[in-house]
Amino acid sequence: MRGNVKPKKCFPWRERVRYGFDQVAQHLLGTDRLNRWVKSREVRRRQLLERMYARLQSEEPLARRPVERVKNLSLAEFRSRYQKPGIPMVLEGAALASHSKTYYTR
C-alpha cells in the first residue's frame, strides 16, 4: 500500500493459514464429514477463533478520517493527487459516464 497508511497485521501468518485452510476444507467436505475425519477439529477451531477474537479486542479501533468527494477529475490529476500518495476519495458522477447506465437500463 502506498502513502502513509499501513495496514495492521493483526493476525500472524500461521493463524491466517490455519483459518483459511479450515474454511476451505469445511466448504469442500462439509462440517459433519470434516468433524468425523478430524476428531479434535472443533476444539482447535474454537481455540483459534477465541485467540483471534481476543486479538481483535486488544487492537485499538481505527481512526475515522474524512474522505473528499470529487467530480470531473482527469486521470493524471487522480493519479498525482490520490493514487500515488494513497489518499482515499469518492469519485462522484463516474457511474453516469460509464457504459453501465445504458447497459443496465435495457
PDB file of N, CA and C in Angstrom:
ATOM      1  N   MET A   1       0.842  -1.174   0.000  1.00  0.00           N
ATOM      2  CA  MET A   1       0.000   0.000   0.000  1.00  0.00           C
ATOM      3  C   MET A   1       0.885   1.235   0.000  1.00  0.00           C
ATOM      4  N   ARG A   2       0.519   2.211  -0.765  1.00  0.00           N
ATOM      5  CA  ARG A   2       1.337   3.415  -0.873  1.00  0.00           C
ATOM      6  C   ARG A   2       0.915   4.442   0.156  1.00  0.00           C
ATOM      7  N   GLY A   3       1.755   5.428   0.335  1.00  0.00           N
ATOM      8  CA  GLY A   3       1.431   6.527   1.237  1.00  0.00           C
ATOM      9  C   GLY A   3       1.740   6.177   2.671  1.00  0.00           C
ATOM     10  N   ASN A   4       1.153   6.946   3.569  1.00  0.00           N
ATOM     11  CA  ASN A   4       1.442   6.766   4.984  1.00  0.00           C
ATOM     12  C   ASN A   4       0.455   5.843   5.676  1.00  0.00           C
ATOM     13  N   VAL A   5      -0.440   5.226   4.939  1.00  0.00           N
ATOM     14  CA  VAL A   5      -1.422   4.329   5.541  1.00  0.00           C
ATOM     15  C   VAL A   5      -0.872   2.909   5.498  1.00  0.00           C
ATOM     16  N   LYS A   6      -0.604   2.339   6.647  1.00  0.00           N
ATOM     17  CA  LYS A   6      -0.063   0.984   6.735  1.00  0.00           C
ATOM     18  C   LYS A   6      -1.137   0.057   7.294  1.00  0.00           C
ATOM     19  N   PRO A   7      -1.426  -1.049   6.635  1.00  0.00           N
ATOM     20  CA  PRO A   7      -2.404  -1.980   7.192  1.00  0.00           C
ATOM     21  C   PRO A   7      -1.820  -2.675   8.419  1.00  0.00           C
ATOM     22  N   LYS A   8      -2.657  -2.881   9.415  1.00  0.00           N
ATOM     23  CA  LYS A   8      -2.206  -3.576  10.616  1.00  0.00           C
ATOM     24  C   LYS A   8      -2.194  -5.065  10.349  1.00  0.00           C
ATOM     25  N   LYS A   9      -1.100  -5.695  10.699  1.00  0.00           N
ATOM     26  CA  LYS A   9      -1.030  -7.147  10.581  1.00  0.00           C
ATOM     27  C   LYS A   9      -1.454  -7.715  11.921  1.00  0.00           C
ATOM     28  N   CYS A  10      -2.728  -7.824  12.083  1.00  0.00           N
ATOM     29  CA  CYS A  10      -3.306  -8.231  13.352  1.00  0.00           C
ATOM     30  C   CYS A  10      -3.061  -9.707  13.641  1.00  0.00           C
ATOM     31  N   PHE A  11      -3.194 -10.529  12.633  1.00  0.00           N
ATOM     32  CA  PHE A  11      -3.077 -11.966  12.838  1.00  0.00           C
ATOM     33  C   PHE A  11      -1.768 -12.483  12.262  1.00  0.00           C
ATOM     34  N   PRO A  12      -1.079 -13.328  13.008  1.00  0.00           N
ATOM     35  CA  PRO A  12       0.144 -13.924  12.467  1.00  0.00           C
ATOM     36  C   PRO A  12      -0.177 -14.790  11.249  1.00  0.00           C
ATOM     37  N   TRP A  13       0.826 -14.971  10.422  1.00  0.00           N
ATOM     38  CA  TRP A  13       0.669 -15.737   9.187  1.00  0.00           C
ATOM     39  C   TRP A  13       0.131 -17.127   9.470  1.00  0.00           C
ATOM     40  N   ARG A  14       0.626 -17.763  10.493  1.00  0.00           N
ATOM     41  CA  ARG A  14       0.232 -19.142  10.812  1.00  0.00           C
ATOM     42  C   ARG A  14      -1.270 -19.237  11.122  1.00  0.00           C
ATOM     43  N   GLU A  15      -1.798 -18.277  11.864  1.00  0.00           N
ATOM     44  CA  GLU A  15      -3.238 -18.299  12.185  1.00  0.00           C
ATOM     45  C   GLU A  15      -4.074 -18.023  10.949  1.00  0.00           C
ATOM     46  N   ARG A  16      -3.623 -17.118  10.094  1.00  0.00           N
ATOM     47  CA  ARG A  16      -4.373 -16.839   8.860  1.00  0.00           C
ATOM     48  C   ARG A  16      -4.440 -18.073   7.973  1.00  0.00           C
ATOM     49  N   VAL A  17      -3.330 -18.805   7.881  1.00  0.00           N
ATOM     50  CA  VAL A  17      -3.307 -20.011   7.048  1.00  0.00           C
ATOM     51  C   VAL A  17      -4.201 -21.090   7.648  1.00  0.00           C
ATOM     52  N   ARG A  18      -4.128 -21.279   8.952  1.00  0.00           N
ATOM     53  CA  ARG A  18      -4.980 -22.293   9.599  1.00  0.00           C
ATOM     54  C   ARG A  18      -6.461 -21.973   9.417  1.00  0.00           C
ATOM     55  N   TYR A  19      -6.805 -20.718   9.614  1.00  0.00           N
ATOM     56  CA  TYR A  19      -8.201 -20.325   9.463  1.00  0.00           C
ATOM     57  C   TYR A  19      -8.653 -20.510   8.009  1.00  0.00           C
ATOM     58  N   GLY A  20      -7.836 -20.076   7.061  1.00  0.00           N
ATOM     59  CA  GLY A  20      -8.199 -20.210   5.651  1.00  0.00           C
ATOM     60  C   GLY A  20      -8.307 -21.667   5.224  1.00  0.00           C
ATOM     61  N   PHE A  21      -7.376 -22.505   5.675  1.00  0.00           N
ATOM     62  CA  PHE A  21      -7.423 -23.923   5.339  1.00  0.00           C
ATOM     63  C   PHE A  21      -8.689 -24.567   5.904  1.00  0.00           C
ATOM     64  N   ASP A  22      -9.027 -24.220   7.134  1.00  0.00           N
ATOM     65  CA  ASP A  22     -10.221 -24.772   7.755  1.00  0.00           C
ATOM     66  C   ASP A  22     -11.486 -24.342   7.012  1.00  0.00           C
ATOM     67  N   GLN A  23     -11.528 -23.094   6.572  1.00  0.00           N
ATOM     68  CA  GLN A  23     -12.688 -22.596   5.831  1.00  0.00           C
ATOM     69  C   GLN A  23     -12.846 -23.357   4.508  1.00  0.00           C
ATOM     70  N   VAL A  24     -11.756 -23.554   3.798  1.00  0.00           N
ATOM     71  CA  VAL A  24     -11.818 -24.259   2.511  1.00  0.00           C
ATOM     72  C   VAL A  24     -12.219 -25.710   2.716  1.00  0.00           C
ATOM     73  N   ALA A  25     -11.607 -26.367   3.707  1.00  0.00           N
ATOM     74  CA  ALA A  25     -11.937 -27.766   3.983  1.00  0.00           C
ATOM     75  C   ALA A  25     -13.402 -27.915   4.382  1.00  0.00           C
ATOM     76  N   GLN A  26     -13.897 -27.000   5.193  1.00  0.00           N
ATOM     77  CA  GLN A  26     -15.298 -27.052   5.607  1.00  0.00           C
ATOM     78  C   GLN A  26     -16.218 -26.843   4.411  1.00  0.00           C
ATOM     79  N   HIS A  27     -15.838 -25.955   3.508  1.00  0.00           N
ATOM     80  CA  HIS A  27     -16.657 -25.700   2.324  1.00  0.00           C
ATOM     81  C   HIS A  27     -16.690 -26.931   1.403  1.00  0.00           C
ATOM     82  N   LEU A  28     -15.527 -27.543   1.197  1.00  0.00           N
ATOM     83  CA  LEU A  28     -15.452 -28.669   0.268  1.00  0.00           C
ATOM     84  C   LEU A  28     -16.019 -29.963   0.839  1.00  0.00           C
ATOM     85  N   LEU A  29     -15.762 -30.226   2.119  1.00  0.00           N
ATOM     86  CA  LEU A  29     -16.147 -31.506   2.711  1.00  0.00           C
ATOM     87  C   LEU A  29     -17.433 -31.445   3.525  1.00  0.00           C
ATOM     88  N   GLY A  30     -17.785 -30.286   4.007  1.00  0.00           N
ATOM     89  CA  GLY A  30     -18.938 -30.163   4.885  1.00  0.00           C
ATOM     90  C   GLY A  30     -18.511 -30.312   6.337  1.00  0.00           C
ATOM     91  N   THR A  31     -19.222 -29.672   7.229  1.00  0.00           N
ATOM     92  CA  THR A  31     -18.850 -29.658   8.638  1.00  0.00           C
ATOM     93  C   THR A  31     -18.903 -31.039   9.265  1.00  0.00           C
ATOM     94  N   ASP A  32     -19.965 -31.784   9.022  1.00  0.00           N
ATOM     95  CA  ASP A  32     -20.114 -33.102   9.656  1.00  0.00           C
ATOM     96  C   ASP A  32     -19.010 -34.063   9.239  1.00  0.00           C
ATOM     97  N   ARG A  33     -18.761 -34.171   7.949  1.00  0.00           N
ATOM     98  CA  ARG A  33     -17.734 -35.085   7.464  1.00  0.00           C
ATOM     99  C   ARG A  33     -16.350 -34.673   7.974  1.00  0.00           C
ATOM    100  N   LEU A  34     -16.075 -33.384   7.958  1.00  0.00           N
ATOM    101  CA  LEU A  34     -14.779 -32.908   8.430  1.00  0.00           C
ATOM    102  C   LEU A  34     -14.603 -33.193   9.917  1.00  0.00           C
ATOM    103  N   ASN A  35     -15.646 -33.009  10.711  1.00  0.00           N
ATOM    104  CA  ASN A  35     -15.560 -33.292  12.146  1.00  0.00           C
ATOM    105  C   ASN A  35     -15.376 -34.780  12.416  1.00  0.00           C
ATOM    106  N   ARG A  36     -15.949 -35.632  11.583  1.00  0.00           N
ATOM    107  CA  ARG A  36     -15.742 -37.078  11.758  1.00  0.00           C
ATOM    108  C   ARG A  36     -14.314 -37.481  11.426  1.00  0.00           C
ATOM    109  N   TRP A  37     -13.730 -36.881  10.398  1.00  0.00           N
ATOM    110  CA  TRP A  37     -12.375 -37.236   9.995  1.00  0.00           C
ATOM    111  C   TRP A  37     -11.323 -36.675  10.952  1.00  0.00           C
ATOM    112  N   VAL A  38     -11.530 -35.460  11.421  1.00  0.00           N
ATOM    113  CA  VAL A  38     -10.563 -34.817  12.313  1.00  0.00           C
ATOM    114  C   VAL A  38     -11.248 -34.653  13.667  1.00  0.00           C
ATOM    115  N   LYS A  39     -10.939 -35.552  14.590  1.00  0.00           N
ATOM    116  CA  LYS A  39     -11.656 -35.609  15.868  1.00  0.00           C
ATOM    117  C   LYS A  39     -11.494 -34.340  16.704  1.00  0.00           C
ATOM    118  N   SER A  40     -10.307 -33.734  16.701  1.00  0.00           N
ATOM    119  CA  SER A  40     -10.066 -32.577  17.566  1.00  0.00           C
ATOM    120  C   SER A  40     -10.342 -31.251  16.858  1.00  0.00           C
ATOM    121  N   ARG A  41     -10.968 -31.297  15.687  1.00  0.00           N
ATOM    122  CA  ARG A  41     -11.177 -30.084  14.899  1.00  0.00           C
ATOM    123  C   ARG A  41     -12.014 -29.045  15.626  1.00  0.00           C
ATOM    124  N   GLU A  42     -13.104 -29.461  16.227  1.00  0.00           N
ATOM    125  CA  GLU A  42     -13.994 -28.496  16.882  1.00  0.00           C
ATOM    126  C   GLU A  42     -13.279 -27.750  17.997  1.00  0.00           C
ATOM    127  N   VAL A  43     -12.505 -28.488  18.799  1.00  0.00           N
ATOM    128  CA  VAL A  43     -11.784 -27.859  19.910  1.00  0.00           C
ATOM    129  C   VAL A  43     -10.723 -26.904  19.379  1.00  0.00           C
ATOM    130  N   ARG A  44      -9.953 -27.351  18.389  1.00  0.00           N
ATOM    131  CA  ARG A  44      -8.903 -26.493  17.825  1.00  0.00           C
ATOM    132  C   ARG A  44      -9.490 -25.269  17.138  1.00  0.00           C
ATOM    133  N   ARG A  45     -10.598 -25.442  16.433  1.00  0.00           N
ATOM    134  CA  ARG A  45     -11.227 -24.292  15.763  1.00  0.00           C
ATOM    135  C   ARG A  45     -11.742 -23.299  16.786  1.00  0.00           C
ATOM    136  N   ARG A  46     -12.359 -23.777  17.854  1.00  0.00           N
ATOM    137  CA  ARG A  46     -12.855 -22.890  18.901  1.00  0.00           C
ATOM    138  C   ARG A  46     -11.708 -22.118  19.541  1.00  0.00           C
ATOM    139  N   GLN A  47     -10.581 -22.807  19.808  1.00  0.00           N
ATOM    140  CA  GLN A  47      -9.422 -22.137  20.393  1.00  0.00           C
ATOM    141  C   GLN A  47      -8.851 -21.083  19.443  1.00  0.00           C
ATOM    142  N   LEU A  48      -8.770 -21.414  18.159  1.00  0.00           N
ATOM    143  CA  LEU A  48      -8.272 -20.461  17.176  1.00  0.00           C
ATOM    144  C   LEU A  48      -9.166 -19.232  17.105  1.00  0.00           C
ATOM    145  N   LEU A  49     -10.472 -19.432  17.062  1.00  0.00           N
ATOM    146  CA  LEU A  49     -11.404 -18.307  16.993  1.00  0.00           C
ATOM    147  C   LEU A  49     -11.357 -17.459  18.264  1.00  0.00           C
ATOM    148  N   GLU A  50     -11.180 -18.104  19.416  1.00  0.00           N
ATOM    149  CA  GLU A  50     -11.061 -17.346  20.660  1.00  0.00           C
ATOM    150  C   GLU A  50      -9.793 -16.497  20.672  1.00  0.00           C
ATOM    151  N   ARG A  51      -8.675 -17.055  20.181  1.00  0.00           N
ATOM    152  CA  ARG A  51      -7.435 -16.269  20.099  1.00  0.00           C
ATOM    153  C   ARG A  51      -7.594 -15.094  19.142  1.00  0.00           C
ATOM    154  N   MET A  52      -8.231 -15.350  18.001  1.00  0.00           N
ATOM    155  CA  MET A  52      -8.430 -14.277  17.022  1.00  0.00           C
ATOM    156  C   MET A  52      -9.339 -13.192  17.588  1.00  0.00           C
ATOM    157  N   TYR A  53     -10.398 -13.594  18.270  1.00  0.00           N
ATOM    158  CA  TYR A  53     -11.317 -12.620  18.854  1.00  0.00           C
ATOM    159  C   TYR A  53     -10.611 -11.795  19.927  1.00  0.00           C
ATOM    160  N   ALA A  54      -9.803 -12.438  20.778  1.00  0.00           N
ATOM    161  CA  ALA A  54      -9.068 -11.721  21.821  1.00  0.00           C
ATOM    162  C   ALA A  54      -8.087 -10.723  21.206  1.00  0.00           C
ATOM    163  N   ARG A  55      -7.444 -11.124  20.114  1.00  0.00           N
ATOM    164  CA  ARG A  55      -6.502 -10.218  19.461  1.00  0.00           C
ATOM    165  C   ARG A  55      -7.229  -9.020  18.861  1.00  0.00           C
ATOM    166  N   LEU A  56      -8.392  -9.251  18.282  1.00  0.00           N
ATOM    167  CA  LEU A  56      -9.178  -8.139  17.739  1.00  0.00           C
ATOM    168  C   LEU A  56      -9.640  -7.188  18.839  1.00  0.00           C
ATOM    169  N   GLN A  57     -10.011  -7.728  19.982  1.00  0.00           N
ATOM    170  CA  GLN A  57     -10.462  -6.892  21.093  1.00  0.00           C
ATOM    171  C   GLN A  57      -9.316  -6.052  21.656  1.00  0.00           C
ATOM    172  N   SER A  58      -8.093  -6.551  21.575  1.00  0.00           N
ATOM    173  CA  SER A  58      -6.956  -5.821  22.132  1.00  0.00           C
ATOM    174  C   SER A  58      -6.469  -4.708  21.214  1.00  0.00           C
ATOM    175  N   GLU A  59      -6.834  -4.741  19.944  1.00  0.00           N
ATOM    176  CA  GLU A  59      -6.412  -3.712  18.992  1.00  0.00           C
ATOM    177  C   GLU A  59      -7.172  -2.417  19.244  1.00  0.00           C
ATOM    178  N   GLU A  60      -6.505  -1.317  18.973  1.00  0.00           N
ATOM    179  CA  GLU A  60      -7.179  -0.022  19.048  1.00  0.00           C
ATOM    180  C   GLU A  60      -8.073   0.125  17.820  1.00  0.00           C
ATOM    181  N   PRO A  61      -9.228   0.755  17.987  1.00  0.00           N
ATOM    182  CA  PRO A  61     -10.090   0.946  16.817  1.00  0.00           C
ATOM    183  C   PRO A  61      -9.426   1.889  15.818  1.00  0.00           C
ATOM    184  N   LEU A  62      -9.700   1.663  14.543  1.00  0.00           N
ATOM    185  CA  LEU A  62      -9.131   2.511  13.507  1.00  0.00           C
ATOM    186  C   LEU A  62      -9.758   3.896  13.565  1.00  0.00           C
ATOM    187  N   ALA A  63      -8.941   4.897  13.361  1.00  0.00           N
ATOM    188  CA  ALA A  63      -9.428   6.277  13.395  1.00  0.00           C
ATOM    189  C   ALA A  63     -10.177   6.577  12.096  1.00  0.00           C
ATOM    190  N   ARG A  64     -11.254   7.295  12.219  1.00  0.00           N
ATOM    191  CA  ARG A  64     -12.001   7.715  11.034  1.00  0.00           C
ATOM    192  C   ARG A  64     -11.411   9.017  10.542  1.00  0.00           C
ATOM    193  N   ARG A  65     -11.367   9.136   9.238  1.00  0.00           N
ATOM    194  CA  ARG A  65     -10.891  10.393   8.681  1.00  0.00           C
ATOM    195  C   ARG A  65     -11.793  10.775   7.524  1.00  0.00           C
ATOM    196  N   PRO A  66     -11.966  12.061   7.313  1.00  0.00           N
ATOM    197  CA  PRO A  66     -12.879  12.493   6.255  1.00  0.00           C
ATOM    198  C   PRO A  66     -12.354  12.103   4.874  1.00  0.00           C
ATOM    199  N   VAL A  67     -13.292  11.796   3.984  1.00  0.00           N
ATOM    200  CA  VAL A  67     -12.949  11.412   2.617  1.00  0.00           C
ATOM    201  C   VAL A  67     -13.495  12.481   1.686  1.00  0.00           C
ATOM    202  N   GLU A  68     -12.624  12.978   0.840  1.00  0.00           N
ATOM    203  CA  GLU A  68     -13.002  14.037  -0.085  1.00  0.00           C
ATOM    204  C   GLU A  68     -13.846  13.475  -1.218  1.00  0.00           C
ATOM    205  N   ARG A  69     -14.880  14.221  -1.629  1.00  0.00           N
ATOM    206  CA  ARG A  69     -15.727  13.850  -2.757  1.00  0.00           C
ATOM    207  C   ARG A  69     -15.352  14.756  -3.931  1.00  0.00           C
ATOM    208  N   VAL A  70     -15.073  14.138  -5.093  1.00  0.00           N
ATOM    209  CA  VAL A  70     -14.541  14.885  -6.232  1.00  0.00           C
ATOM    210  C   VAL A  70     -15.363  14.593  -7.480  1.00  0.00           C
ATOM    211  N   LYS A  71     -15.588  15.633  -8.305  1.00  0.00           N
ATOM    212  CA  LYS A  71     -16.249  15.487  -9.607  1.00  0.00           C
ATOM    213  C   LYS A  71     -15.301  15.971 -10.692  1.00  0.00           C
ATOM    214  N   ASN A  72     -15.488  15.472 -11.897  1.00  0.00           N
ATOM    215  CA  ASN A  72     -14.737  15.927 -13.073  1.00  0.00           C
ATOM    216  C   ASN A  72     -13.233  15.942 -12.819  1.00  0.00           C
ATOM    217  N   LEU A  73     -12.681  14.790 -12.637  1.00  0.00           N
ATOM    218  CA  LEU A  73     -11.260  14.651 -12.335  1.00  0.00           C
ATOM    219  C   LEU A  73     -10.574  13.937 -13.497  1.00  0.00           C
ATOM    220  N   SER A  74      -9.485  14.499 -13.979  1.00  0.00           N
ATOM    221  CA  SER A  74      -8.751  13.833 -15.062  1.00  0.00           C
ATOM    222  C   SER A  74      -7.954  12.666 -14.489  1.00  0.00           C
ATOM    223  N   LEU A  75      -7.555  11.751 -15.367  1.00  0.00           N
ATOM    224  CA  LEU A  75      -6.799  10.583 -14.935  1.00  0.00           C
ATOM    225  C   LEU A  75      -5.449  10.981 -14.344  1.00  0.00           C
ATOM    226  N   ALA A  76      -4.773  11.921 -14.985  1.00  0.00           N
ATOM    227  CA  ALA A  76      -3.459  12.371 -14.482  1.00  0.00           C
ATOM    228  C   ALA A  76      -3.598  13.039 -13.113  1.00  0.00           C
ATOM    229  N   GLU A  77      -4.634  13.837 -12.959  1.00  0.00           N
ATOM    230  CA  GLU A  77      -4.858  14.509 -11.680  1.00  0.00           C
ATOM    231  C   GLU A  77      -5.205  13.490 -10.581  1.00  0.00           C
ATOM    232  N   PHE A  78      -6.020  12.489 -10.926  1.00  0.00           N
ATOM    233  CA  PHE A  78      -6.347  11.438  -9.961  1.00  0.00           C
ATOM    234  C   PHE A  78      -5.093  10.707  -9.502  1.00  0.00           C
ATOM    235  N   ARG A  79      -4.256  10.340 -10.456  1.00  0.00           N
ATOM    236  CA  ARG A  79      -3.041   9.593 -10.101  1.00  0.00           C
ATOM    237  C   ARG A  79      -2.097  10.413  -9.235  1.00  0.00           C
ATOM    238  N   SER A  80      -1.929  11.686  -9.553  1.00  0.00           N
ATOM    239  CA  SER A  80      -0.971  12.501  -8.792  1.00  0.00           C
ATOM    240  C   SER A  80      -1.507  12.900  -7.419  1.00  0.00           C
ATOM    241  N   ARG A  81      -2.808  13.222  -7.325  1.00  0.00           N
ATOM    242  CA  ARG A  81      -3.349  13.713  -6.047  1.00  0.00           C
ATOM    243  C   ARG A  81      -3.821  12.607  -5.102  1.00  0.00           C
ATOM    244  N   TYR A  82      -4.275  11.473  -5.643  1.00  0.00           N
ATOM    245  CA  TYR A  82      -4.902  10.464  -4.788  1.00  0.00           C
ATOM    246  C   TYR A  82      -4.220   9.094  -4.851  1.00  0.00           C
ATOM    247  N   GLN A  83      -3.987   8.568  -6.057  1.00  0.00           N
ATOM    248  CA  GLN A  83      -3.449   7.214  -6.164  1.00  0.00           C
ATOM    249  C   GLN A  83      -2.014   7.123  -5.661  1.00  0.00           C
ATOM    250  N   LYS A  84      -1.150   8.013  -6.107  1.00  0.00           N
ATOM    251  CA  LYS A  84       0.260   7.935  -5.726  1.00  0.00           C
ATOM    252  C   LYS A  84       0.468   8.110  -4.222  1.00  0.00           C
ATOM    253  N   PRO A  85      -0.138   9.117  -3.572  1.00  0.00           N
ATOM    254  CA  PRO A  85       0.048   9.230  -2.121  1.00  0.00           C
ATOM    255  C   PRO A  85      -0.820   8.266  -1.311  1.00  0.00           C
ATOM    256  N   GLY A  86      -1.769   7.574  -1.949  1.00  0.00           N
ATOM    257  CA  GLY A  86      -2.622   6.615  -1.239  1.00  0.00           C
ATOM    258  C   GLY A  86      -3.717   7.262  -0.428  1.00  0.00           C
ATOM    259  N   ILE A  87      -4.285   8.334  -0.924  1.00  0.00           N
ATOM    260  CA  ILE A  87      -5.342   9.058  -0.219  1.00  0.00           C
ATOM    261  C   ILE A  87      -6.702   8.576  -0.730  1.00  0.00           C
ATOM    262  N   PRO A  88      -7.606   8.169   0.164  1.00  0.00           N
ATOM    263  CA  PRO A  88      -8.933   7.727  -0.290  1.00  0.00           C
ATOM    264  C   PRO A  88      -9.779   8.907  -0.754  1.00  0.00           C
ATOM    265  N   MET A  89     -10.681   8.631  -1.686  1.00  0.00           N
ATOM    266  CA  MET A  89     -11.593   9.655  -2.190  1.00  0.00           C
ATOM    267  C   MET A  89     -12.805   8.983  -2.805  1.00  0.00           C
ATOM    268  N   VAL A  90     -13.860   9.765  -2.998  1.00  0.00           N
ATOM    269  CA  VAL A  90     -15.074   9.283  -3.648  1.00  0.00           C
ATOM    270  C   VAL A  90     -15.226  10.066  -4.942  1.00  0.00           C
ATOM    271  N   LEU A  91     -15.350   9.341  -6.046  1.00  0.00           N
ATOM    272  CA  LEU A  91     -15.497   9.980  -7.348  1.00  0.00           C
ATOM    273  C   LEU A  91     -16.985  10.053  -7.673  1.00  0.00           C
ATOM    274  N   GLU A  92     -17.525  11.239  -7.652  1.00  0.00           N
ATOM    275  CA  GLU A  92     -18.962  11.432  -7.885  1.00  0.00           C
ATOM    276  C   GLU A  92     -19.254  11.545  -9.374  1.00  0.00           C
ATOM    277  N   GLY A  93     -20.352  10.939  -9.781  1.00  0.00           N
ATOM    278  CA  GLY A  93     -20.808  11.034 -11.159  1.00  0.00           C
ATOM    279  C   GLY A  93     -20.088  10.112 -12.125  1.00  0.00           C
ATOM    280  N   ALA A  94     -19.209   9.266 -11.651  1.00  0.00           N
ATOM    281  CA  ALA A  94     -18.449   8.391 -12.554  1.00  0.00           C
ATOM    282  C   ALA A  94     -19.330   7.307 -13.155  1.00  0.00           C
ATOM    283  N   ALA A  95     -20.303   6.814 -12.411  1.00  0.00           N
ATOM    284  CA  ALA A  95     -21.176   5.755 -12.928  1.00  0.00           C
ATOM    285  C   ALA A  95     -22.084   6.283 -14.035  1.00  0.00           C
ATOM    286  N   LEU A  96     -22.421   7.556 -13.999  1.00  0.00           N
ATOM    287  CA  LEU A  96     -23.272   8.124 -15.038  1.00  0.00           C
ATOM    288  C   LEU A  96     -22.553   8.195 -16.376  1.00  0.00           C
ATOM    289  N   ALA A  97     -21.247   8.368 -16.344  1.00  0.00           N
ATOM    290  CA  ALA A  97     -20.478   8.480 -17.581  1.00  0.00           C
ATOM    291  C   ALA A  97     -20.082   7.125 -18.146  1.00  0.00           C
ATOM    292  N   SER A  98     -20.252   6.084 -17.393  1.00  0.00           N
ATOM    293  CA  SER A  98     -19.822   4.766 -17.868  1.00  0.00           C
ATOM    294  C   SER A  98     -20.903   4.119 -18.738  1.00  0.00           C
ATOM    295  N   HIS A  99     -20.540   3.002 -19.326  1.00  0.00           N
ATOM    296  CA  HIS A  99     -21.491   2.284 -20.180  1.00  0.00           C
ATOM    297  C   HIS A  99     -22.531   1.533 -19.347  1.00  0.00           C
ATOM    298  N   SER A 100     -22.345   1.439 -18.044  1.00  0.00           N
ATOM    299  CA  SER A 100     -23.271   0.666 -17.214  1.00  0.00           C
ATOM    300  C   SER A 100     -24.668   1.284 -17.198  1.00  0.00           C
ATOM    301  N   LYS A 101     -24.764   2.591 -17.331  1.00  0.00           N
ATOM    302  CA  LYS A 101     -26.079   3.233 -17.321  1.00  0.00           C
ATOM    303  C   LYS A 101     -26.927   2.752 -18.496  1.00  0.00           C
ATOM    304  N   THR A 102     -26.352   2.665 -19.670  1.00  0.00           N
ATOM    305  CA  THR A 102     -27.125   2.197 -20.818  1.00  0.00           C
ATOM    306  C   THR A 102     -27.260   0.676 -20.816  1.00  0.00           C
ATOM    307  N   TYR A 103     -26.263  -0.034 -20.301  1.00  0.00           N
ATOM    308  CA  TYR A 103     -26.299  -1.485 -20.293  1.00  0.00           C
ATOM    309  C   TYR A 103     -27.386  -2.020 -19.370  1.00  0.00           C
ATOM    310  N   TYR A 104     -27.516  -1.462 -18.178  1.00  0.00           N
ATOM    311  CA  TYR A 104     -28.464  -1.987 -17.191  1.00  0.00           C
ATOM    312  C   TYR A 104     -29.878  -1.454 -17.365  1.00  0.00           C
ATOM    313  N   THR A 105     -30.103  -0.494 -18.234  1.00  0.00           N
ATOM    314  CA  THR A 105     -31.454   0.019 -18.446  1.00  0.00           C
ATOM    315  C   THR A 105     -32.124  -0.639 -19.641  1.00  0.00           C
ATOM    316  N   ARG A 106     -31.469  -1.587 -20.272  1.00  0.00           N
ATOM    317  CA  ARG A 106     -32.071  -2.280 -21.430  1.00  0.00           C
ATOM    318  C   ARG A 106     -33.152  -3.211 -20.996  1.00  0.00           C
TER     319      ARG A 106
END
